[in-house]
Amino acid sequence: MSATTSPTNKPLPRKGWLTRLRQRNVLPGFGLSMGITVFSLSLLVVLPFAMMAYTTTQMGWTGFWGTISQPQVTAAIKLSLWMSFLAMLTNMVFGTLVAWVLVRYEFWGKSLINALVDLPFALPTAVTGISLATLYAPNGLIGQWFAKFDIQVAFTPLGIWLALVVVSFPFIVRAVQPVLAELSVEFEEAAAVLGANRFTTFRKVILPELLPALLMGAGMMFARATGEYGSVIFIAGNIPMQSEILPLIIISKLEQFDVQGASAIALFMLLISFVILLTINIVQWKLSRRVGAR
């Protein structure tokens, strides 16, 4: 008797994917939990974005492109994306280094440093922006030392980069830290026994394991940085065509009661972030499959 027939030699009905999925779960309630999940995502994510897209469609393609292609908007888009990219590269290096120290070494004050990593999440972004502007202003505690070399940090694109580095720093650390904790030291010791130097060990043994998590953290960090407003607005200077970020233009459009223009810029920013996140997730998925196949 085959597995697809009953004791009476009658073919058994095929089980759908939903039935097979339910049988794999020990705990019941798939239908209820799935319904709550779809409802929550629709209410909190899909509906606001759909309303923003609907508002934008009322101005037509010509109006949308005319709003996006304004020189002031284009300059803000380039500045926001470029500073976010530089902040992402900076945090990928220093965030990975901090995660490495927290995982691989035991020292006094480790718990304090571990808590300080999450401080940008806990602080209001406006507090972070005011603190940075006070520190790095030309007459600030740190800015006055840069002023001696004719370097101005606050109220320039350099200040925007600094603010984005600070507020998005925890994303990289918290994404890499669990992977490093699970990575056995024996692989590094085996590479050293085989004659590999430290750089080769990092490049051939450690980095391939970290890369999926590193890309995930970088994607979330970049998406956060492109839309950051509170911490940047106080240190950016907000000079049109020079240090004006894209979220500030959206606020300006809303203050002028140009809701469609603000929605168009916000939708364009959303599309850019979505494409970047989708690309990073696809690359991360392929890297995870490659690492798992080893």
C-alpha atoms as a PDB file:
ATOM      1  CA  MET A   1       0.000   0.000   0.000  1.00  0.00           C
ATOM      2  CA  SER A   2       1.476   3.370  -1.029  1.00  0.00           C
ATOM      3  CA  ALA A   3       1.601   6.459   1.145  1.00  0.00           C
ATOM      4  CA  THR A   4      -0.949   8.192  -1.078  1.00  0.00           C
ATOM      5  CA  THR A   5      -3.686   5.567  -0.720  1.00  0.00           C
ATOM      6  CA  SER A   6      -5.954   4.609   2.150  1.00  0.00           C
ATOM      7  CA  PRO A   7      -6.526   1.016   3.467  1.00  0.00           C
ATOM      8  CA  THR A   8      -9.496   0.815   1.071  1.00  0.00           C
ATOM      9  CA  ASN A   9      -7.198   1.628  -1.883  1.00  0.00           C
ATOM     10  CA  LYS A  10      -8.823   5.002  -2.325  1.00  0.00           C
ATOM     11  CA  PRO A  11      -6.492   7.918  -3.031  1.00  0.00           C
ATOM     12  CA  LEU A  12      -5.998  10.264  -0.101  1.00  0.00           C
ATOM     13  CA  PRO A  13      -6.770  13.944  -0.663  1.00  0.00           C
ATOM     14  CA  ARG A  14      -3.744  16.133  -1.206  1.00  0.00           C
ATOM     15  CA  LYS A  15      -2.850  18.420   1.658  1.00  0.00           C
ATOM     16  CA  GLY A  16      -2.510  22.084   0.877  1.00  0.00           C
ATOM     17  CA  TRP A  17       0.419  24.216   1.935  1.00  0.00           C
ATOM     18  CA  LEU A  18      -1.638  25.763   4.731  1.00  0.00           C
ATOM     19  CA  THR A  19      -2.439  22.355   6.211  1.00  0.00           C
ATOM     20  CA  ARG A  20       1.194  21.264   6.019  1.00  0.00           C
ATOM     21  CA  LEU A  21       2.262  24.504   7.679  1.00  0.00           C
ATOM     22  CA  ARG A  22      -0.164  23.950  10.532  1.00  0.00           C
ATOM     23  CA  GLN A  23       1.082  20.409  11.065  1.00  0.00           C
ATOM     24  CA  ARG A  24       4.645  21.648  11.452  1.00  0.00           C
ATOM     25  CA  ASN A  25       3.698  23.921  14.353  1.00  0.00           C
ATOM     26  CA  VAL A  26       3.349  22.470  17.820  1.00  0.00           C
ATOM     27  CA  LEU A  27       1.343  25.393  19.153  1.00  0.00           C
ATOM     28  CA  PRO A  28      -2.047  26.086  17.543  1.00  0.00           C
ATOM     29  CA  GLY A  29      -3.426  29.446  16.516  1.00  0.00           C
ATOM     30  CA  PHE A  30      -1.828  30.029  13.120  1.00  0.00           C
ATOM     31  CA  GLY A  31      -4.977  31.533  11.617  1.00  0.00           C
ATOM     32  CA  LEU A  32      -5.550  33.969  14.487  1.00  0.00           C
ATOM     33  CA  SER A  33      -1.905  35.055  14.738  1.00  0.00           C
ATOM     34  CA  MET A  34      -1.630  35.420  10.950  1.00  0.00           C
ATOM     35  CA  GLY A  35      -4.766  37.552  10.880  1.00  0.00           C
ATOM     36  CA  ILE A  36      -3.471  39.820  13.641  1.00  0.00           C
ATOM     37  CA  THR A  37      -0.130  40.108  11.831  1.00  0.00           C
ATOM     38  CA  VAL A  38      -1.708  41.114   8.527  1.00  0.00           C
ATOM     39  CA  PHE A  39      -4.079  43.537  10.251  1.00  0.00           C
ATOM     40  CA  SER A  40      -1.254  45.179  12.220  1.00  0.00           C
ATOM     41  CA  LEU A  41       0.998  45.548   9.178  1.00  0.00           C
ATOM     42  CA  SER A  42      -1.867  46.918   7.105  1.00  0.00           C
ATOM     43  CA  LEU A  43      -2.857  49.450   9.749  1.00  0.00           C
ATOM     44  CA  LEU A  44       0.635  50.576  10.768  1.00  0.00           C
ATOM     45  CA  VAL A  45       2.652  50.243   7.557  1.00  0.00           C
ATOM     46  CA  VAL A  46       0.649  49.682   4.378  1.00  0.00           C
ATOM     47  CA  LEU A  47      -2.202  52.148   4.985  1.00  0.00           C
ATOM     48  CA  PRO A  48      -0.038  55.246   5.726  1.00  0.00           C
ATOM     49  CA  PHE A  49       2.202  54.532   2.733  1.00  0.00           C
ATOM     50  CA  ALA A  50      -0.788  53.887   0.493  1.00  0.00           C
ATOM     51  CA  MET A  51      -2.355  57.182   1.577  1.00  0.00           C
ATOM     52  CA  MET A  52       0.911  58.989   0.856  1.00  0.00           C
ATOM     53  CA  ALA A  53       1.086  57.411  -2.593  1.00  0.00           C
ATOM     54  CA  TYR A  54      -2.560  58.323  -3.258  1.00  0.00           C
ATOM     55  CA  THR A  55      -1.922  61.951  -2.303  1.00  0.00           C
ATOM     56  CA  THR A  56       1.064  62.031  -4.641  1.00  0.00           C
ATOM     57  CA  THR A  57      -0.867  60.579  -7.584  1.00  0.00           C
ATOM     58  CA  GLN A  58      -3.267  63.522  -7.447  1.00  0.00           C
ATOM     59  CA  MET A  59      -0.531  65.836  -8.720  1.00  0.00           C
ATOM     60  CA  GLY A  60       0.245  63.613 -11.728  1.00  0.00           C
ATOM     61  CA  TRP A  61       3.569  62.449 -13.095  1.00  0.00           C
ATOM     62  CA  THR A  62       4.476  65.909 -14.381  1.00  0.00           C
ATOM     63  CA  GLY A  63       3.901  67.524 -11.006  1.00  0.00           C
ATOM     64  CA  PHE A  64       5.744  64.724  -9.219  1.00  0.00           C
ATOM     65  CA  TRP A  65       8.792  64.966 -11.440  1.00  0.00           C
ATOM     66  CA  GLY A  66       8.708  68.753 -11.318  1.00  0.00           C
ATOM     67  CA  THR A  67       8.815  68.651  -7.512  1.00  0.00           C
ATOM     68  CA  ILE A  68      11.596  66.065  -7.338  1.00  0.00           C
ATOM     69  CA  SER A  69      13.744  67.733  -9.997  1.00  0.00           C
ATOM     70  CA  GLN A  70      13.864  71.128  -8.315  1.00  0.00           C
ATOM     71  CA  PRO A  71      17.516  72.114  -7.775  1.00  0.00           C
ATOM     72  CA  GLN A  72      17.031  72.613  -4.040  1.00  0.00           C
ATOM     73  CA  VAL A  73      15.371  69.203  -3.665  1.00  0.00           C
ATOM     74  CA  THR A  74      17.976  67.478  -5.838  1.00  0.00           C
ATOM     75  CA  ALA A  75      20.809  68.964  -3.789  1.00  0.00           C
ATOM     76  CA  ALA A  76      19.131  67.811  -0.570  1.00  0.00           C
ATOM     77  CA  ILE A  77      18.652  64.293  -1.952  1.00  0.00           C
ATOM     78  CA  LYS A  78      22.307  64.018  -2.951  1.00  0.00           C
ATOM     79  CA  LEU A  79      23.471  65.385   0.388  1.00  0.00           C
ATOM     80  CA  SER A  80      21.239  63.075   2.452  1.00  0.00           C
ATOM     81  CA  LEU A  81      22.200  59.961   0.500  1.00  0.00           C
ATOM     82  CA  TRP A  82      25.906  60.797   0.415  1.00  0.00           C
ATOM     83  CA  MET A  83      26.165  61.592   4.137  1.00  0.00           C
ATOM     84  CA  SER A  84      24.155  58.467   4.977  1.00  0.00           C
ATOM     85  CA  PHE A  85      26.487  56.360   2.843  1.00  0.00           C
ATOM     86  CA  LEU A  86      29.598  57.813   4.497  1.00  0.00           C
ATOM     87  CA  ALA A  87      28.094  57.303   7.951  1.00  0.00           C
ATOM     88  CA  MET A  88      27.258  53.711   7.036  1.00  0.00           C
ATOM     89  CA  LEU A  89      30.854  52.996   5.950  1.00  0.00           C
ATOM     90  CA  THR A  90      32.189  54.612   9.129  1.00  0.00           C
ATOM     91  CA  ASN A  91      29.941  52.580  11.409  1.00  0.00           C
ATOM     92  CA  MET A  92      30.674  49.356   9.548  1.00  0.00           C
ATOM     93  CA  VAL A  93      34.312  49.737  10.563  1.00  0.00           C
ATOM     94  CA  PHE A  94      34.056  51.144  14.071  1.00  0.00           C
ATOM     95  CA  GLY A  95      30.830  49.328  14.957  1.00  0.00           C
ATOM     96  CA  THR A  96      32.378  45.986  14.070  1.00  0.00           C
ATOM     97  CA  LEU A  97      35.441  46.874  16.133  1.00  0.00           C
ATOM     98  CA  VAL A  98      33.309  47.755  19.176  1.00  0.00           C
ATOM     99  CA  ALA A  99      31.306  44.542  18.819  1.00  0.00           C
ATOM    100  CA  TRP A 100      34.560  42.567  18.610  1.00  0.00           C
ATOM    101  CA  VAL A 101      35.863  44.138  21.832  1.00  0.00           C
ATOM    102  CA  LEU A 102      32.598  43.521  23.683  1.00  0.00           C
ATOM    103  CA  VAL A 103      32.465  39.855  22.651  1.00  0.00           C
ATOM    104  CA  ARG A 104      36.086  38.709  22.695  1.00  0.00           C
ATOM    105  CA  TYR A 105      37.538  40.511  25.742  1.00  0.00           C
ATOM    106  CA  GLU A 106      36.725  40.706  29.427  1.00  0.00           C
ATOM    107  CA  PHE A 107      37.593  43.965  31.169  1.00  0.00           C
ATOM    108  CA  TRP A 108      36.399  46.307  33.884  1.00  0.00           C
ATOM    109  CA  GLY A 109      33.539  48.531  32.766  1.00  0.00           C
ATOM    110  CA  LYS A 110      32.384  46.230  29.977  1.00  0.00           C
ATOM    111  CA  SER A 111      28.742  46.411  31.089  1.00  0.00           C
ATOM    112  CA  LEU A 112      28.898  50.205  31.087  1.00  0.00           C
ATOM    113  CA  ILE A 113      30.267  50.319  27.537  1.00  0.00           C
ATOM    114  CA  ASN A 114      27.666  47.791  26.451  1.00  0.00           C
ATOM    115  CA  ALA A 115      24.937  50.058  27.851  1.00  0.00           C
ATOM    116  CA  LEU A 116      26.442  53.171  26.254  1.00  0.00           C
ATOM    117  CA  VAL A 117      26.100  51.550  22.829  1.00  0.00           C
ATOM    118  CA  ASP A 118      22.309  51.712  23.144  1.00  0.00           C
ATOM    119  CA  LEU A 119      22.291  55.294  24.443  1.00  0.00           C
ATOM    120  CA  PRO A 120      21.494  56.833  20.997  1.00  0.00           C
ATOM    121  CA  PHE A 121      18.342  54.676  20.983  1.00  0.00           C
ATOM    122  CA  ALA A 122      17.255  55.925  24.413  1.00  0.00           C
ATOM    123  CA  LEU A 123      18.001  59.625  23.980  1.00  0.00           C
ATOM    124  CA  PRO A 124      15.559  61.853  22.090  1.00  0.00           C
ATOM    125  CA  THR A 125      17.126  62.792  18.787  1.00  0.00           C
ATOM    126  CA  ALA A 126      16.720  66.483  19.544  1.00  0.00           C
ATOM    127  CA  VAL A 127      18.841  66.070  22.684  1.00  0.00           C
ATOM    128  CA  THR A 128      21.538  64.391  20.617  1.00  0.00           C
ATOM    129  CA  GLY A 129      21.481  67.180  18.033  1.00  0.00           C
ATOM    130  CA  ILE A 130      21.675  69.958  20.612  1.00  0.00           C
ATOM    131  CA  SER A 131      24.530  68.201  22.426  1.00  0.00           C
ATOM    132  CA  LEU A 132      26.525  67.753  19.226  1.00  0.00           C
ATOM    133  CA  ALA A 133      25.913  71.329  18.112  1.00  0.00           C
ATOM    134  CA  THR A 134      27.036  72.629  21.504  1.00  0.00           C
ATOM    135  CA  LEU A 135      30.188  70.504  21.481  1.00  0.00           C
ATOM    136  CA  TYR A 136      31.244  71.093  17.871  1.00  0.00           C
ATOM    137  CA  ALA A 137      30.219  74.719  17.381  1.00  0.00           C
ATOM    138  CA  PRO A 138      33.154  77.064  16.619  1.00  0.00           C
ATOM    139  CA  ASN A 139      33.114  78.191  20.252  1.00  0.00           C
ATOM    140  CA  GLY A 140      32.227  74.755  21.648  1.00  0.00           C
ATOM    141  CA  LEU A 141      34.310  72.513  23.853  1.00  0.00           C
ATOM    142  CA  ILE A 142      35.615  70.449  20.926  1.00  0.00           C
ATOM    143  CA  GLY A 143      34.826  72.752  18.021  1.00  0.00           C
ATOM    144  CA  GLN A 144      37.169  75.466  19.235  1.00  0.00           C
ATOM    145  CA  TRP A 145      40.127  73.135  18.737  1.00  0.00           C
ATOM    146  CA  PHE A 146      39.060  72.441  15.157  1.00  0.00           C
ATOM    147  CA  ALA A 147      38.584  76.176  14.609  1.00  0.00           C
ATOM    148  CA  LYS A 148      42.295  76.730  15.209  1.00  0.00           C
ATOM    149  CA  PHE A 149      42.937  74.733  12.027  1.00  0.00           C
ATOM    150  CA  ASP A 150      40.108  76.473  10.115  1.00  0.00           C
ATOM    151  CA  ILE A 151      37.953  73.333  10.300  1.00  0.00           C
ATOM    152  CA  GLN A 152      34.271  73.873  11.039  1.00  0.00           C
ATOM    153  CA  VAL A 153      32.270  70.823  12.043  1.00  0.00           C
ATOM    154  CA  ALA A 154      28.930  72.196  13.150  1.00  0.00           C
ATOM    155  CA  PHE A 155      26.608  73.814  10.589  1.00  0.00           C
ATOM    156  CA  THR A 156      28.341  72.046   7.683  1.00  0.00           C
ATOM    157  CA  PRO A 157      27.910  68.680   5.906  1.00  0.00           C
ATOM    158  CA  LEU A 158      30.617  67.380   8.240  1.00  0.00           C
ATOM    159  CA  GLY A 159      28.253  67.968  11.145  1.00  0.00           C
ATOM    160  CA  ILE A 160      25.512  66.051   9.337  1.00  0.00           C
ATOM    161  CA  TRP A 161      27.868  63.097   8.903  1.00  0.00           C
ATOM    162  CA  LEU A 162      28.787  63.216  12.598  1.00  0.00           C
ATOM    163  CA  ALA A 163      25.154  63.264  13.737  1.00  0.00           C
ATOM    164  CA  LEU A 164      24.251  60.337  11.472  1.00  0.00           C
ATOM    165  CA  VAL A 165      27.214  58.333  12.763  1.00  0.00           C
ATOM    166  CA  VAL A 166      26.101  58.869  16.359  1.00  0.00           C
ATOM    167  CA  VAL A 167      22.394  58.064  15.989  1.00  0.00           C
ATOM    168  CA  SER A 168      22.907  54.990  13.779  1.00  0.00           C
ATOM    169  CA  PHE A 169      25.912  53.514  15.566  1.00  0.00           C
ATOM    170  CA  PRO A 170      23.988  50.834  17.564  1.00  0.00           C
ATOM    171  CA  PHE A 171      22.557  49.195  14.421  1.00  0.00           C
ATOM    172  CA  ILE A 172      25.898  47.788  13.318  1.00  0.00           C
ATOM    173  CA  VAL A 173      27.040  46.782  16.795  1.00  0.00           C
ATOM    174  CA  ARG A 174      23.857  44.933  17.689  1.00  0.00           C
ATOM    175  CA  ALA A 175      23.699  43.192  14.317  1.00  0.00           C
ATOM    176  CA  VAL A 176      27.283  41.909  14.434  1.00  0.00           C
ATOM    177  CA  GLN A 177      27.559  41.156  18.151  1.00  0.00           C
ATOM    178  CA  PRO A 178      25.402  37.952  18.241  1.00  0.00           C
ATOM    179  CA  VAL A 179      27.224  36.487  15.234  1.00  0.00           C
ATOM    180  CA  LEU A 180      30.599  37.103  16.845  1.00  0.00           C
ATOM    181  CA  ALA A 181      29.356  35.510  20.073  1.00  0.00           C
ATOM    182  CA  GLU A 182      28.443  32.311  18.202  1.00  0.00           C
ATOM    183  CA  LEU A 183      31.628  32.250  16.114  1.00  0.00           C
ATOM    184  CA  SER A 184      34.004  29.745  17.664  1.00  0.00           C
ATOM    185  CA  VAL A 185      37.575  30.803  18.371  1.00  0.00           C
ATOM    186  CA  GLU A 186      38.730  27.362  17.221  1.00  0.00           C
ATOM    187  CA  PHE A 187      38.423  28.394  13.573  1.00  0.00           C
ATOM    188  CA  GLU A 188      40.810  31.273  14.128  1.00  0.00           C
ATOM    189  CA  GLU A 189      43.217  29.028  16.038  1.00  0.00           C
ATOM    190  CA  ALA A 190      43.126  26.453  13.233  1.00  0.00           C
ATOM    191  CA  ALA A 191      43.893  29.168  10.677  1.00  0.00           C
ATOM    192  CA  ALA A 192      46.816  30.376  12.795  1.00  0.00           C
ATOM    193  CA  VAL A 193      48.170  26.832  13.110  1.00  0.00           C
ATOM    194  CA  LEU A 194      48.009  26.463   9.330  1.00  0.00           C
ATOM    195  CA  GLY A 195      50.185  29.561   8.968  1.00  0.00           C
ATOM    196  CA  ALA A 196      47.625  32.271   8.174  1.00  0.00           C
ATOM    197  CA  ASN A 197      48.427  35.750   9.419  1.00  0.00           C
ATOM    198  CA  ARG A 198      45.883  37.904  11.244  1.00  0.00           C
ATOM    199  CA  PHE A 199      44.690  39.764   8.172  1.00  0.00           C
ATOM    200  CA  THR A 200      44.201  36.529   6.235  1.00  0.00           C
ATOM    201  CA  THR A 201      42.347  34.987   9.164  1.00  0.00           C
ATOM    202  CA  PHE A 202      40.002  37.949   9.329  1.00  0.00           C
ATOM    203  CA  ARG A 203      39.448  38.047   5.568  1.00  0.00           C
ATOM    204  CA  LYS A 204      39.019  34.309   5.018  1.00  0.00           C
ATOM    205  CA  VAL A 205      37.502  33.072   8.286  1.00  0.00           C
ATOM    206  CA  ILE A 206      35.788  35.871  10.193  1.00  0.00           C
ATOM    207  CA  LEU A 207      34.534  38.267   7.510  1.00  0.00           C
ATOM    208  CA  PRO A 208      32.521  35.682   5.497  1.00  0.00           C
ATOM    209  CA  GLU A 209      30.614  34.785   8.667  1.00  0.00           C
ATOM    210  CA  LEU A 210      30.017  38.412   9.594  1.00  0.00           C
ATOM    211  CA  LEU A 211      29.053  39.691   6.171  1.00  0.00           C
ATOM    212  CA  PRO A 212      25.315  38.776   6.206  1.00  0.00           C
ATOM    213  CA  ALA A 213      24.792  40.367   9.631  1.00  0.00           C
ATOM    214  CA  LEU A 214      26.965  43.321   8.658  1.00  0.00           C
ATOM    215  CA  LEU A 215      24.854  43.973   5.573  1.00  0.00           C
ATOM    216  CA  MET A 216      21.639  43.681   7.572  1.00  0.00           C
ATOM    217  CA  GLY A 217      22.847  46.231  10.101  1.00  0.00           C
ATOM    218  CA  ALA A 218      24.146  48.501   7.334  1.00  0.00           C
ATOM    219  CA  GLY A 219      20.785  48.416   5.548  1.00  0.00           C
ATOM    220  CA  MET A 220      18.815  49.317   8.667  1.00  0.00           C
ATOM    221  CA  MET A 221      21.348  52.000   9.534  1.00  0.00           C
ATOM    222  CA  PHE A 222      21.200  53.549   6.063  1.00  0.00           C
ATOM    223  CA  ALA A 223      17.407  53.601   6.078  1.00  0.00           C
ATOM    224  CA  ARG A 224      17.427  55.298   9.487  1.00  0.00           C
ATOM    225  CA  ALA A 225      20.067  57.826   8.438  1.00  0.00           C
ATOM    226  CA  THR A 226      18.313  58.972   5.253  1.00  0.00           C
ATOM    227  CA  GLY A 227      15.217  59.982   7.198  1.00  0.00           C
ATOM    228  CA  GLU A 228      16.922  61.335  10.313  1.00  0.00           C
ATOM    229  CA  TYR A 229      15.677  64.774  11.304  1.00  0.00           C
ATOM    230  CA  GLY A 230      15.847  65.592  15.003  1.00  0.00           C
ATOM    231  CA  SER A 231      19.561  65.095  15.592  1.00  0.00           C
ATOM    232  CA  VAL A 232      20.628  66.620  12.254  1.00  0.00           C
ATOM    233  CA  ILE A 233      18.509  69.754  12.190  1.00  0.00           C
ATOM    234  CA  PHE A 234      20.457  71.449  15.010  1.00  0.00           C
ATOM    235  CA  ILE A 235      23.918  70.808  13.607  1.00  0.00           C
ATOM    236  CA  ALA A 236      23.323  70.923   9.850  1.00  0.00           C
ATOM    237  CA  GLY A 237      23.205  74.691   9.353  1.00  0.00           C
ATOM    238  CA  ASN A 238      20.251  74.245   6.960  1.00  0.00           C
ATOM    239  CA  ILE A 239      21.786  76.358   4.190  1.00  0.00           C
ATOM    240  CA  PRO A 240      19.964  75.667   0.881  1.00  0.00           C
ATOM    241  CA  MET A 241      22.086  73.883  -1.727  1.00  0.00           C
ATOM    242  CA  GLN A 242      24.832  73.320   0.881  1.00  0.00           C
ATOM    243  CA  SER A 243      23.710  71.757   4.164  1.00  0.00           C
ATOM    244  CA  GLU A 244      19.951  71.338   3.803  1.00  0.00           C
ATOM    245  CA  ILE A 245      18.734  67.776   4.355  1.00  0.00           C
ATOM    246  CA  LEU A 246      15.757  66.198   2.666  1.00  0.00           C
ATOM    247  CA  PRO A 247      13.504  65.835   5.766  1.00  0.00           C
ATOM    248  CA  LEU A 248      13.842  69.595   6.332  1.00  0.00           C
ATOM    249  CA  ILE A 249      12.457  70.270   2.854  1.00  0.00           C
ATOM    250  CA  ILE A 250       9.493  68.031   3.642  1.00  0.00           C
ATOM    251  CA  ILE A 251       8.804  70.030   6.801  1.00  0.00           C
ATOM    252  CA  SER A 252       9.128  73.266   4.826  1.00  0.00           C
ATOM    253  CA  LYS A 253       6.610  72.014   2.266  1.00  0.00           C
ATOM    254  CA  LEU A 254       4.155  71.161   5.031  1.00  0.00           C
ATOM    255  CA  GLU A 255       4.592  74.592   6.629  1.00  0.00           C
ATOM    256  CA  GLN A 256       3.682  76.086   3.237  1.00  0.00           C
ATOM    257  CA  PHE A 257       0.593  73.824   3.143  1.00  0.00           C
ATOM    258  CA  ASP A 258       2.012  72.017   0.104  1.00  0.00           C
ATOM    259  CA  VAL A 259       0.885  68.569   1.208  1.00  0.00           C
ATOM    260  CA  GLN A 260       1.215  67.039  -2.259  1.00  0.00           C
ATOM    261  CA  GLY A 261       4.755  68.320  -2.669  1.00  0.00           C
ATOM    262  CA  ALA A 262       5.736  66.993   0.761  1.00  0.00           C
ATOM    263  CA  SER A 263       4.131  63.630  -0.057  1.00  0.00           C
ATOM    264  CA  ALA A 264       5.978  63.468  -3.375  1.00  0.00           C
ATOM    265  CA  ILE A 265       9.377  64.028  -1.736  1.00  0.00           C
ATOM    266  CA  ALA A 266       8.546  61.600   1.080  1.00  0.00           C
ATOM    267  CA  LEU A 267       7.430  58.963  -1.425  1.00  0.00           C
ATOM    268  CA  PHE A 268      10.629  59.398  -3.419  1.00  0.00           C
ATOM    269  CA  MET A 269      12.686  58.984  -0.247  1.00  0.00           C
ATOM    270  CA  LEU A 270      10.659  55.889   0.619  1.00  0.00           C
ATOM    271  CA  LEU A 271      11.293  54.356  -2.800  1.00  0.00           C
ATOM    272  CA  ILE A 272      15.036  54.957  -2.509  1.00  0.00           C
ATOM    273  CA  SER A 273      15.189  53.378   0.948  1.00  0.00           C
ATOM    274  CA  PHE A 274      13.050  50.436  -0.172  1.00  0.00           C
ATOM    275  CA  VAL A 275      15.240  49.704  -3.194  1.00  0.00           C
ATOM    276  CA  ILE A 276      18.401  49.864  -1.092  1.00  0.00           C
ATOM    277  CA  LEU A 277      16.944  47.650   1.646  1.00  0.00           C
ATOM    278  CA  LEU A 278      15.622  45.158  -0.894  1.00  0.00           C
ATOM    279  CA  THR A 279      19.001  44.958  -2.612  1.00  0.00           C
ATOM    280  CA  ILE A 280      20.833  44.466   0.674  1.00  0.00           C
ATOM    281  CA  ASN A 281      18.349  41.802   1.811  1.00  0.00           C
ATOM    282  CA  ILE A 282      18.765  39.874  -1.445  1.00  0.00           C
ATOM    283  CA  VAL A 283      22.558  40.007  -1.161  1.00  0.00           C
ATOM    284  CA  GLN A 284      22.342  38.999   2.496  1.00  0.00           C
ATOM    285  CA  TRP A 285      20.071  36.054   1.650  1.00  0.00           C
ATOM    286  CA  LYS A 286      22.478  34.809  -1.003  1.00  0.00           C
ATOM    287  CA  LEU A 287      25.446  35.173   1.334  1.00  0.00           C
ATOM    288  CA  SER A 288      23.589  33.317   4.108  1.00  0.00           C
ATOM    289  CA  ARG A 289      22.822  30.440   1.744  1.00  0.00           C
ATOM    290  CA  ARG A 290      26.443  30.346   0.628  1.00  0.00           C
ATOM    291  CA  VAL A 291      27.699  30.294   4.222  1.00  0.00           C
ATOM    292  CA  GLY A 292      25.133  27.653   5.231  1.00  0.00           C
ATOM    293  CA  ALA A 293      26.125  25.418   2.319  1.00  0.00           C
ATOM    294  CA  ARG A 294      29.680  25.146   3.586  1.00  0.00           C
END
